[in-house]
ModelCIF file with pLDDT and N, C-alpha, C, O atoms, coordinates in Angstrom:
data_MODEL
#
_entry.id   MODEL 
#
_entity.id                         1 
_entity.type                       polymer 
_entity.pdbx_number_of_molecules   1 
#
_entity_poly.entity_id                      1 
_entity_poly.type                           'polypeptide(L)' 
_entity_poly.nstd_linkage                   no 
_entity_poly.nstd_monomer                   no 
_entity_poly.pdbx_seq_one_letter_code       VKSGVRHTFSRRTMYVDEDSWSIMAQDLYDMQGKLWRSMEGTL 
_entity_poly.pdbx_seq_one_letter_code_can   VKSGVRHTFSRRTMYVDEDSWSIMAQDLYDMQGKLWRSMEGTL 
_entity_poly.pdbx_strand_id                 A 
#
loop_
_entity_poly_seq.entity_id 
_entity_poly_seq.num 
_entity_poly_seq.mon_id 
_entity_poly_seq.hetero 
1 1  VAL n 
1 2  LYS n 
1 3  SER n 
1 4  GLY n 
1 5  VAL n 
1 6  ARG n 
1 7  HIS n 
1 8  THR n 
1 9  PHE n 
1 10 SER n 
1 11 ARG n 
1 12 ARG n 
1 13 THR n 
1 14 MET n 
1 15 TYR n 
1 16 VAL n 
1 17 ASP n 
1 18 GLU n 
1 19 ASP n 
1 20 SER n 
1 21 TRP n 
1 22 SER n 
1 23 ILE n 
1 24 MET n 
1 25 ALA n 
1 26 GLN n 
1 27 ASP n 
1 28 LEU n 
1 29 TYR n 
1 30 ASP n 
1 31 MET n 
1 32 GLN n 
1 33 GLY n 
1 34 LYS n 
1 35 LEU n 
1 36 TRP n 
1 37 ARG n 
1 38 SER n 
1 39 MET n 
1 40 GLU n 
1 41 GLY n 
1 42 THR n 
1 43 LEU n 
#
_struct_asym.id          A 
_struct_asym.entity_id   1 
#
loop_
_ma_qa_metric.id 
_ma_qa_metric.mode 
_ma_qa_metric.name 
_ma_qa_metric.software_group_id 
_ma_qa_metric.type 
1 global pLDDT . pLDDT 
2 local  pLDDT . pLDDT 
#
_ma_qa_metric_global.metric_id      1 
_ma_qa_metric_global.metric_value   96.09 
_ma_qa_metric_global.model_id       1 
_ma_qa_metric_global.ordinal_id     1 
#
loop_
_ma_qa_metric_local.label_asym_id 
_ma_qa_metric_local.label_comp_id 
_ma_qa_metric_local.label_seq_id 
_ma_qa_metric_local.metric_id 
_ma_qa_metric_local.metric_value 
_ma_qa_metric_local.model_id 
_ma_qa_metric_local.ordinal_id 
A VAL 1  2 97.00 1 1  
A LYS 2  2 97.00 1 2  
A SER 3  2 94.00 1 3  
A GLY 4  2 94.00 1 4  
A VAL 5  2 94.00 1 5  
A ARG 6  2 92.00 1 6  
A HIS 7  2 96.00 1 7  
A THR 8  2 95.00 1 8  
A PHE 9  2 97.00 1 9  
A SER 10 2 97.00 1 10 
A ARG 11 2 98.00 1 11 
A ARG 12 2 98.00 1 12 
A THR 13 2 98.00 1 13 
A MET 14 2 98.00 1 14 
A TYR 15 2 98.00 1 15 
A VAL 16 2 98.00 1 16 
A ASP 17 2 97.00 1 17 
A GLU 18 2 95.00 1 18 
A ASP 19 2 94.00 1 19 
A SER 20 2 94.00 1 20 
A TRP 21 2 95.00 1 21 
A SER 22 2 96.00 1 22 
A ILE 23 2 97.00 1 23 
A MET 24 2 97.00 1 24 
A ALA 25 2 97.00 1 25 
A GLN 26 2 97.00 1 26 
A ASP 27 2 98.00 1 27 
A LEU 28 2 98.00 1 28 
A TYR 29 2 98.00 1 29 
A ASP 30 2 97.00 1 30 
A MET 31 2 95.00 1 31 
A GLN 32 2 95.00 1 32 
A GLY 33 2 96.00 1 33 
A LYS 34 2 97.00 1 34 
A LEU 35 2 98.00 1 35 
A TRP 36 2 97.00 1 36 
A ARG 37 2 96.00 1 37 
A SER 38 2 96.00 1 38 
A MET 39 2 96.00 1 39 
A GLU 40 2 96.00 1 40 
A GLY 41 2 94.00 1 41 
A THR 42 2 93.00 1 42 
A LEU 43 2 92.00 1 43 
#
loop_
_atom_site.group_PDB 
_atom_site.id 
_atom_site.type_symbol 
_atom_site.label_atom_id 
_atom_site.label_alt_id 
_atom_site.label_comp_id 
_atom_site.label_asym_id 
_atom_site.label_entity_id 
_atom_site.label_seq_id 
_atom_site.pdbx_PDB_ins_code 
_atom_site.Cartn_x 
_atom_site.Cartn_y 
_atom_site.Cartn_z 
_atom_site.occupancy 
_atom_site.B_iso_or_equiv 
_atom_site.pdbx_formal_charge 
_atom_site.auth_seq_id 
_atom_site.auth_comp_id 
_atom_site.auth_asym_id 
_atom_site.auth_atom_id 
_atom_site.pdbx_PDB_model_num 
ATOM 1   N N  . VAL A 1 1  ? -2.306  -3.512  -20.137 1.00 97.00 ? 1  VAL A N  1 
ATOM 2   C CA . VAL A 1 1  ? -3.393  -4.334  -20.673 1.00 97.00 ? 1  VAL A CA 1 
ATOM 3   C C  . VAL A 1 1  ? -3.282  -5.758  -20.122 1.00 97.00 ? 1  VAL A C  1 
ATOM 4   O O  . VAL A 1 1  ? -2.199  -6.340  -20.070 1.00 97.00 ? 1  VAL A O  1 
ATOM 5   N N  . LYS A 1 2  ? -4.419  -6.295  -19.717 1.00 97.00 ? 2  LYS A N  1 
ATOM 6   C CA . LYS A 1 2  ? -4.452  -7.646  -19.185 1.00 97.00 ? 2  LYS A CA 1 
ATOM 7   C C  . LYS A 1 2  ? -4.207  -8.674  -20.291 1.00 97.00 ? 2  LYS A C  1 
ATOM 8   O O  . LYS A 1 2  ? -4.467  -8.415  -21.466 1.00 97.00 ? 2  LYS A O  1 
ATOM 9   N N  . SER A 1 3  ? -3.711  -9.825  -19.901 1.00 94.00 ? 3  SER A N  1 
ATOM 10  C CA . SER A 1 3  ? -3.521  -10.929 -20.838 1.00 94.00 ? 3  SER A CA 1 
ATOM 11  C C  . SER A 1 3  ? -4.874  -11.404 -21.350 1.00 94.00 ? 3  SER A C  1 
ATOM 12  O O  . SER A 1 3  ? -5.821  -11.569 -20.581 1.00 94.00 ? 3  SER A O  1 
ATOM 13  N N  . GLY A 1 4  ? -4.951  -11.622 -22.659 1.00 94.00 ? 4  GLY A N  1 
ATOM 14  C CA . GLY A 1 4  ? -6.166  -12.162 -23.247 1.00 94.00 ? 4  GLY A CA 1 
ATOM 15  C C  . GLY A 1 4  ? -7.156  -11.134 -23.736 1.00 94.00 ? 4  GLY A C  1 
ATOM 16  O O  . GLY A 1 4  ? -8.163  -11.494 -24.345 1.00 94.00 ? 4  GLY A O  1 
ATOM 17  N N  . VAL A 1 5  ? -6.896  -9.842  -23.482 1.00 94.00 ? 5  VAL A N  1 
ATOM 18  C CA . VAL A 1 5  ? -7.768  -8.785  -23.996 1.00 94.00 ? 5  VAL A CA 1 
ATOM 19  C C  . VAL A 1 5  ? -6.927  -7.816  -24.812 1.00 94.00 ? 5  VAL A C  1 
ATOM 20  O O  . VAL A 1 5  ? -5.698  -7.863  -24.763 1.00 94.00 ? 5  VAL A O  1 
ATOM 21  N N  . ARG A 1 6  ? -7.585  -6.938  -25.562 1.00 92.00 ? 6  ARG A N  1 
ATOM 22  C CA . ARG A 1 6  ? -6.847  -6.005  -26.399 1.00 92.00 ? 6  ARG A CA 1 
ATOM 23  C C  . ARG A 1 6  ? -7.269  -4.575  -26.091 1.00 92.00 ? 6  ARG A C  1 
ATOM 24  O O  . ARG A 1 6  ? -8.365  -4.316  -25.594 1.00 92.00 ? 6  ARG A O  1 
ATOM 25  N N  . HIS A 1 7  ? -6.360  -3.659  -26.402 1.00 96.00 ? 7  HIS A N  1 
ATOM 26  C CA . HIS A 1 7  ? -6.634  -2.228  -26.309 1.00 96.00 ? 7  HIS A CA 1 
ATOM 27  C C  . HIS A 1 7  ? -5.611  -1.514  -27.176 1.00 96.00 ? 7  HIS A C  1 
ATOM 28  O O  . HIS A 1 7  ? -4.493  -1.996  -27.356 1.00 96.00 ? 7  HIS A O  1 
ATOM 29  N N  . THR A 1 8  ? -6.001  -0.355  -27.716 1.00 95.00 ? 8  THR A N  1 
ATOM 30  C CA . THR A 1 8  ? -5.085  0.435   -28.542 1.00 95.00 ? 8  THR A CA 1 
ATOM 31  C C  . THR A 1 8  ? -3.797  0.750   -27.799 1.00 95.00 ? 8  THR A C  1 
ATOM 32  O O  . THR A 1 8  ? -2.714  0.731   -28.383 1.00 95.00 ? 8  THR A O  1 
ATOM 33  N N  . PHE A 1 9  ? -3.920  1.042   -26.493 1.00 97.00 ? 9  PHE A N  1 
ATOM 34  C CA . PHE A 1 9  ? -2.751  1.376   -25.689 1.00 97.00 ? 9  PHE A CA 1 
ATOM 35  C C  . PHE A 1 9  ? -2.342  0.160   -24.863 1.00 97.00 ? 9  PHE A C  1 
ATOM 36  O O  . PHE A 1 9  ? -3.150  -0.413  -24.133 1.00 97.00 ? 9  PHE A O  1 
ATOM 37  N N  . SER A 1 10 ? -1.088  -0.219  -24.991 1.00 97.00 ? 10 SER A N  1 
ATOM 38  C CA . SER A 1 10 ? -0.603  -1.358  -24.214 1.00 97.00 ? 10 SER A CA 1 
ATOM 39  C C  . SER A 1 10 ? -0.342  -0.971  -22.767 1.00 97.00 ? 10 SER A C  1 
ATOM 40  O O  . SER A 1 10 ? -0.336  -1.820  -21.876 1.00 97.00 ? 10 SER A O  1 
ATOM 41  N N  . ARG A 1 11 ? -0.125  0.327   -22.543 1.00 98.00 ? 11 ARG A N  1 
ATOM 42  C CA . ARG A 1 11 ? 0.204   0.805   -21.191 1.00 98.00 ? 11 ARG A CA 1 
ATOM 43  C C  . ARG A 1 11 ? -0.182  2.275   -21.085 1.00 98.00 ? 11 ARG A C  1 
ATOM 44  O O  . ARG A 1 11 ? -0.055  3.033   -22.046 1.00 98.00 ? 11 ARG A O  1 
ATOM 45  N N  . ARG A 1 12 ? -0.656  2.667   -19.900 1.00 98.00 ? 12 ARG A N  1 
ATOM 46  C CA . ARG A 1 12 ? -0.977  4.053   -19.621 1.00 98.00 ? 12 ARG A CA 1 
ATOM 47  C C  . ARG A 1 12 ? -0.403  4.391   -18.253 1.00 98.00 ? 12 ARG A C  1 
ATOM 48  O O  . ARG A 1 12 ? -0.731  3.737   -17.262 1.00 98.00 ? 12 ARG A O  1 
ATOM 49  N N  . THR A 1 13 ? 0.453   5.406   -18.192 1.00 98.00 ? 13 THR A N  1 
ATOM 50  C CA . THR A 1 13 ? 0.965   5.878   -16.914 1.00 98.00 ? 13 THR A CA 1 
ATOM 51  C C  . THR A 1 13 ? 0.220   7.155   -16.560 1.00 98.00 ? 13 THR A C  1 
ATOM 52  O O  . THR A 1 13 ? 0.305   8.154   -17.275 1.00 98.00 ? 13 THR A O  1 
ATOM 53  N N  . MET A 1 14 ? -0.511  7.114   -15.449 1.00 98.00 ? 14 MET A N  1 
ATOM 54  C CA . MET A 1 14 ? -1.393  8.216   -15.077 1.00 98.00 ? 14 MET A CA 1 
ATOM 55  C C  . MET A 1 14 ? -0.852  8.932   -13.847 1.00 98.00 ? 14 MET A C  1 
ATOM 56  O O  . MET A 1 14 ? -0.349  8.305   -12.915 1.00 98.00 ? 14 MET A O  1 
ATOM 57  N N  . TYR A 1 15 ? -0.964  10.261  -13.862 1.00 98.00 ? 15 TYR A N  1 
ATOM 58  C CA . TYR A 1 15 ? -0.490  11.103  -12.770 1.00 98.00 ? 15 TYR A CA 1 
ATOM 59  C C  . TYR A 1 15 ? -1.706  11.808  -12.170 1.00 98.00 ? 15 TYR A C  1 
ATOM 60  O O  . TYR A 1 15 ? -2.299  12.684  -12.799 1.00 98.00 ? 15 TYR A O  1 
ATOM 61  N N  . VAL A 1 16 ? -2.073  11.416  -10.944 1.00 98.00 ? 16 VAL A N  1 
ATOM 62  C CA . VAL A 1 16 ? -3.337  11.818  -10.335 1.00 98.00 ? 16 VAL A CA 1 
ATOM 63  C C  . VAL A 1 16 ? -3.070  12.796  -9.197  1.00 98.00 ? 16 VAL A C  1 
ATOM 64  O O  . VAL A 1 16 ? -2.385  12.467  -8.229  1.00 98.00 ? 16 VAL A O  1 
ATOM 65  N N  . ASP A 1 17 ? -3.619  13.998  -9.325  1.00 97.00 ? 17 ASP A N  1 
ATOM 66  C CA . ASP A 1 17 ? -3.445  15.037  -8.315  1.00 97.00 ? 17 ASP A CA 1 
ATOM 67  C C  . ASP A 1 17 ? -3.930  14.552  -6.955  1.00 97.00 ? 17 ASP A C  1 
ATOM 68  O O  . ASP A 1 17 ? -5.056  14.071  -6.826  1.00 97.00 ? 17 ASP A O  1 
ATOM 69  N N  . GLU A 1 18 ? -3.076  14.681  -5.943  1.00 95.00 ? 18 GLU A N  1 
ATOM 70  C CA . GLU A 1 18 ? -3.397  14.198  -4.596  1.00 95.00 ? 18 GLU A CA 1 
ATOM 71  C C  . GLU A 1 18 ? -4.595  14.918  -3.993  1.00 95.00 ? 18 GLU A C  1 
ATOM 72  O O  . GLU A 1 18 ? -5.348  14.331  -3.217  1.00 95.00 ? 18 GLU A O  1 
ATOM 73  N N  . ASP A 1 19 ? -4.775  16.203  -4.351  1.00 94.00 ? 19 ASP A N  1 
ATOM 74  C CA . ASP A 1 19 ? -5.815  17.004  -3.706  1.00 94.00 ? 19 ASP A CA 1 
ATOM 75  C C  . ASP A 1 19 ? -7.179  16.856  -4.374  1.00 94.00 ? 19 ASP A C  1 
ATOM 76  O O  . ASP A 1 19 ? -8.186  16.706  -3.682  1.00 94.00 ? 19 ASP A O  1 
ATOM 77  N N  . SER A 1 20 ? -7.228  16.895  -5.689  1.00 94.00 ? 20 SER A N  1 
ATOM 78  C CA . SER A 1 20 ? -8.512  16.888  -6.395  1.00 94.00 ? 20 SER A CA 1 
ATOM 79  C C  . SER A 1 20 ? -8.900  15.508  -6.917  1.00 94.00 ? 20 SER A C  1 
ATOM 80  O O  . SER A 1 20 ? -10.055 15.296  -7.289  1.00 94.00 ? 20 SER A O  1 
ATOM 81  N N  . TRP A 1 21 ? -7.964  14.572  -6.953  1.00 95.00 ? 21 TRP A N  1 
ATOM 82  C CA . TRP A 1 21 ? -8.152  13.235  -7.525  1.00 95.00 ? 21 TRP A CA 1 
ATOM 83  C C  . TRP A 1 21 ? -8.409  13.258  -9.035  1.00 95.00 ? 21 TRP A C  1 
ATOM 84  O O  . TRP A 1 21 ? -8.929  12.291  -9.592  1.00 95.00 ? 21 TRP A O  1 
ATOM 85  N N  . SER A 1 22 ? -8.049  14.346  -9.685  1.00 96.00 ? 22 SER A N  1 
ATOM 86  C CA . SER A 1 22 ? -8.144  14.415  -11.145 1.00 96.00 ? 22 SER A CA 1 
ATOM 87  C C  . SER A 1 22 ? -6.861  13.871  -11.765 1.00 96.00 ? 22 SER A C  1 
ATOM 88  O O  . SER A 1 22 ? -5.760  14.165  -11.300 1.00 96.00 ? 22 SER A O  1 
ATOM 89  N N  . ILE A 1 23 ? -7.018  13.066  -12.830 1.00 97.00 ? 23 ILE A N  1 
ATOM 90  C CA . ILE A 1 23 ? -5.849  12.670  -13.617 1.00 97.00 ? 23 ILE A CA 1 
ATOM 91  C C  . ILE A 1 23 ? -5.394  13.901  -14.377 1.00 97.00 ? 23 ILE A C  1 
ATOM 92  O O  . ILE A 1 23 ? -6.111  14.394  -15.248 1.00 97.00 ? 23 ILE A O  1 
ATOM 93  N N  . MET A 1 24 ? -4.216  14.400  -14.060 1.00 97.00 ? 24 MET A N  1 
ATOM 94  C CA . MET A 1 24 ? -3.743  15.641  -14.647 1.00 97.00 ? 24 MET A CA 1 
ATOM 95  C C  . MET A 1 24 ? -2.810  15.410  -15.833 1.00 97.00 ? 24 MET A C  1 
ATOM 96  O O  . MET A 1 24 ? -2.576  16.327  -16.620 1.00 97.00 ? 24 MET A O  1 
ATOM 97  N N  . ALA A 1 25 ? -2.283  14.214  -15.967 1.00 97.00 ? 25 ALA A N  1 
ATOM 98  C CA . ALA A 1 25 ? -1.430  13.902  -17.116 1.00 97.00 ? 25 ALA A CA 1 
ATOM 99  C C  . ALA A 1 25 ? -1.361  12.392  -17.248 1.00 97.00 ? 25 ALA A C  1 
ATOM 100 O O  . ALA A 1 25 ? -1.522  11.658  -16.274 1.00 97.00 ? 25 ALA A O  1 
ATOM 101 N N  . GLN A 1 26 ? -1.116  11.938  -18.481 1.00 97.00 ? 26 GLN A N  1 
ATOM 102 C CA . GLN A 1 26 ? -0.865  10.519  -18.673 1.00 97.00 ? 26 GLN A CA 1 
ATOM 103 C C  . GLN A 1 26 ? -0.059  10.294  -19.937 1.00 97.00 ? 26 GLN A C  1 
ATOM 104 O O  . GLN A 1 26 ? -0.210  11.007  -20.929 1.00 97.00 ? 26 GLN A O  1 
ATOM 105 N N  . ASP A 1 27 ? 0.799   9.286   -19.879 1.00 98.00 ? 27 ASP A N  1 
ATOM 106 C CA . ASP A 1 27 ? 1.596   8.848   -21.022 1.00 98.00 ? 27 ASP A CA 1 
ATOM 107 C C  . ASP A 1 27 ? 0.973   7.573   -21.576 1.00 98.00 ? 27 ASP A C  1 
ATOM 108 O O  . ASP A 1 27 ? 0.635   6.661   -20.822 1.00 98.00 ? 27 ASP A O  1 
ATOM 109 N N  . LEU A 1 28 ? 0.824   7.512   -22.900 1.00 98.00 ? 28 LEU A N  1 
ATOM 110 C CA . LEU A 1 28 ? 0.129   6.412   -23.561 1.00 98.00 ? 28 LEU A CA 1 
ATOM 111 C C  . LEU A 1 28 ? 1.106   5.722   -24.514 1.00 98.00 ? 28 LEU A C  1 
ATOM 112 O O  . LEU A 1 28 ? 1.760   6.376   -25.326 1.00 98.00 ? 28 LEU A O  1 
ATOM 113 N N  . TYR A 1 29 ? 1.198   4.395   -24.406 1.00 98.00 ? 29 TYR A N  1 
ATOM 114 C CA . TYR A 1 29 ? 2.193   3.627   -25.146 1.00 98.00 ? 29 TYR A CA 1 
ATOM 115 C C  . TYR A 1 29 ? 1.522   2.727   -26.186 1.00 98.00 ? 29 TYR A C  1 
ATOM 116 O O  . TYR A 1 29 ? 0.418   2.225   -25.973 1.00 98.00 ? 29 TYR A O  1 
ATOM 117 N N  . ASP A 1 30 ? 2.212   2.533   -27.314 1.00 97.00 ? 30 ASP A N  1 
ATOM 118 C CA . ASP A 1 30 ? 1.668   1.676   -28.371 1.00 97.00 ? 30 ASP A CA 1 
ATOM 119 C C  . ASP A 1 30 ? 1.950   0.210   -28.074 1.00 97.00 ? 30 ASP A C  1 
ATOM 120 O O  . ASP A 1 30 ? 2.503   -0.122  -27.026 1.00 97.00 ? 30 ASP A O  1 
ATOM 121 N N  . MET A 1 31 ? 1.568   -0.665  -29.000 1.00 95.00 ? 31 MET A N  1 
ATOM 122 C CA . MET A 1 31 ? 1.700   -2.099  -28.772 1.00 95.00 ? 31 MET A CA 1 
ATOM 123 C C  . MET A 1 31 ? 3.147   -2.564  -28.754 1.00 95.00 ? 31 MET A C  1 
ATOM 124 O O  . MET A 1 31 ? 3.428   -3.666  -28.283 1.00 95.00 ? 31 MET A O  1 
ATOM 125 N N  . GLN A 1 32 ? 4.068   -1.754  -29.253 1.00 95.00 ? 32 GLN A N  1 
ATOM 126 C CA . GLN A 1 32 ? 5.501   -2.077  -29.199 1.00 95.00 ? 32 GLN A CA 1 
ATOM 127 C C  . GLN A 1 32 ? 6.157   -1.520  -27.938 1.00 95.00 ? 32 GLN A C  1 
ATOM 128 O O  . GLN A 1 32 ? 7.368   -1.641  -27.752 1.00 95.00 ? 32 GLN A O  1 
ATOM 129 N N  . GLY A 1 33 ? 5.348   -0.910  -27.079 1.00 96.00 ? 33 GLY A N  1 
ATOM 130 C CA . GLY A 1 33 ? 5.884   -0.360  -25.840 1.00 96.00 ? 33 GLY A CA 1 
ATOM 131 C C  . GLY A 1 33 ? 6.542   0.991   -25.991 1.00 96.00 ? 33 GLY A C  1 
ATOM 132 O O  . GLY A 1 33 ? 7.232   1.447   -25.080 1.00 96.00 ? 33 GLY A O  1 
ATOM 133 N N  . LYS A 1 34 ? 6.338   1.658   -27.155 1.00 97.00 ? 34 LYS A N  1 
ATOM 134 C CA . LYS A 1 34 ? 6.930   2.969   -27.388 1.00 97.00 ? 34 LYS A CA 1 
ATOM 135 C C  . LYS A 1 34 ? 5.936   4.066   -26.999 1.00 97.00 ? 34 LYS A C  1 
ATOM 136 O O  . LYS A 1 34 ? 4.730   3.937   -27.206 1.00 97.00 ? 34 LYS A O  1 
ATOM 137 N N  . LEU A 1 35 ? 6.474   5.142   -26.432 1.00 98.00 ? 35 LEU A N  1 
ATOM 138 C CA . LEU A 1 35 ? 5.627   6.273   -26.075 1.00 98.00 ? 35 LEU A CA 1 
ATOM 139 C C  . LEU A 1 35 ? 4.966   6.822   -27.334 1.00 98.00 ? 35 LEU A C  1 
ATOM 140 O O  . LEU A 1 35 ? 5.647   7.155   -28.304 1.00 98.00 ? 35 LEU A O  1 
ATOM 141 N N  . TRP A 1 36 ? 3.645   6.914   -27.315 1.00 97.00 ? 36 TRP A N  1 
ATOM 142 C CA . TRP A 1 36 ? 2.872   7.270   -28.498 1.00 97.00 ? 36 TRP A CA 1 
ATOM 143 C C  . TRP A 1 36 ? 2.208   8.637   -28.335 1.00 97.00 ? 36 TRP A C  1 
ATOM 144 O O  . TRP A 1 36 ? 2.382   9.527   -29.168 1.00 97.00 ? 36 TRP A O  1 
ATOM 145 N N  . ARG A 1 37 ? 1.457   8.788   -27.268 1.00 96.00 ? 37 ARG A N  1 
ATOM 146 C CA . ARG A 1 37 ? 0.725   10.024  -27.042 1.00 96.00 ? 37 ARG A CA 1 
ATOM 147 C C  . ARG A 1 37 ? 0.888   10.489  -25.598 1.00 96.00 ? 37 ARG A C  1 
ATOM 148 O O  . ARG A 1 37 ? 1.202   9.706   -24.702 1.00 96.00 ? 37 ARG A O  1 
ATOM 149 N N  . SER A 1 38 ? 0.665   11.776  -25.402 1.00 96.00 ? 38 SER A N  1 
ATOM 150 C CA . SER A 1 38 ? 0.743   12.355  -24.066 1.00 96.00 ? 38 SER A CA 1 
ATOM 151 C C  . SER A 1 38 ? -0.459  13.264  -23.874 1.00 96.00 ? 38 SER A C  1 
ATOM 152 O O  . SER A 1 38 ? -0.759  14.091  -24.734 1.00 96.00 ? 38 SER A O  1 
ATOM 153 N N  . MET A 1 39 ? -1.154  13.112  -22.739 1.00 96.00 ? 39 MET A N  1 
ATOM 154 C CA . MET A 1 39 ? -2.313  13.939  -22.433 1.00 96.00 ? 39 MET A CA 1 
ATOM 155 C C  . MET A 1 39 ? -2.042  14.823  -21.222 1.00 96.00 ? 39 MET A C  1 
ATOM 156 O O  . MET A 1 39 ? -1.343  14.425  -20.290 1.00 96.00 ? 39 MET A O  1 
ATOM 157 N N  . GLU A 1 40 ? -2.604  16.029  -21.249 1.00 96.00 ? 40 GLU A N  1 
ATOM 158 C CA . GLU A 1 40 ? -2.563  16.918  -20.096 1.00 96.00 ? 40 GLU A CA 1 
ATOM 159 C C  . GLU A 1 40 ? -3.965  17.437  -19.806 1.00 96.00 ? 40 GLU A C  1 
ATOM 160 O O  . GLU A 1 40 ? -4.670  17.881  -20.712 1.00 96.00 ? 40 GLU A O  1 
ATOM 161 N N  . GLY A 1 41 ? -4.362  17.381  -18.547 1.00 94.00 ? 41 GLY A N  1 
ATOM 162 C CA . GLY A 1 41 ? -5.593  18.029  -18.128 1.00 94.00 ? 41 GLY A CA 1 
ATOM 163 C C  . GLY A 1 41 ? -5.281  19.425  -17.627 1.00 94.00 ? 41 GLY A C  1 
ATOM 164 O O  . GLY A 1 41 ? -4.116  19.801  -17.506 1.00 94.00 ? 41 GLY A O  1 
ATOM 165 N N  . THR A 1 42 ? -6.310  20.186  -17.339 1.00 93.00 ? 42 THR A N  1 
ATOM 166 C CA . THR A 1 42 ? -6.152  21.496  -16.703 1.00 93.00 ? 42 THR A CA 1 
ATOM 167 C C  . THR A 1 42 ? -7.179  21.584  -15.587 1.00 93.00 ? 42 THR A C  1 
ATOM 168 O O  . THR A 1 42 ? -8.220  20.930  -15.640 1.00 93.00 ? 42 THR A O  1 
ATOM 169 N N  . LEU A 1 43 ? -6.890  22.382  -14.593 1.00 92.00 ? 43 LEU A N  1 
ATOM 170 C CA . LEU A 1 43 ? -7.748  22.390  -13.409 1.00 92.00 ? 43 LEU A CA 1 
ATOM 171 C C  . LEU A 1 43 ? -7.939  23.803  -12.887 1.00 92.00 ? 43 LEU A C  1 
ATOM 172 O O  . LEU A 1 43 ? -8.635  24.005  -11.892 1.00 92.00 ? 43 LEU A O  1 
#
């Protein structure tokens, strides 16, 4: 998250498939920097 703005997730680490350019997974962190949620796509 940029300085001066807000968002529920302070950080998102995204894993983007080289071939399809789809985000296939991402880790979502709370405002304390702790891992909060994890998403998986399917293709």
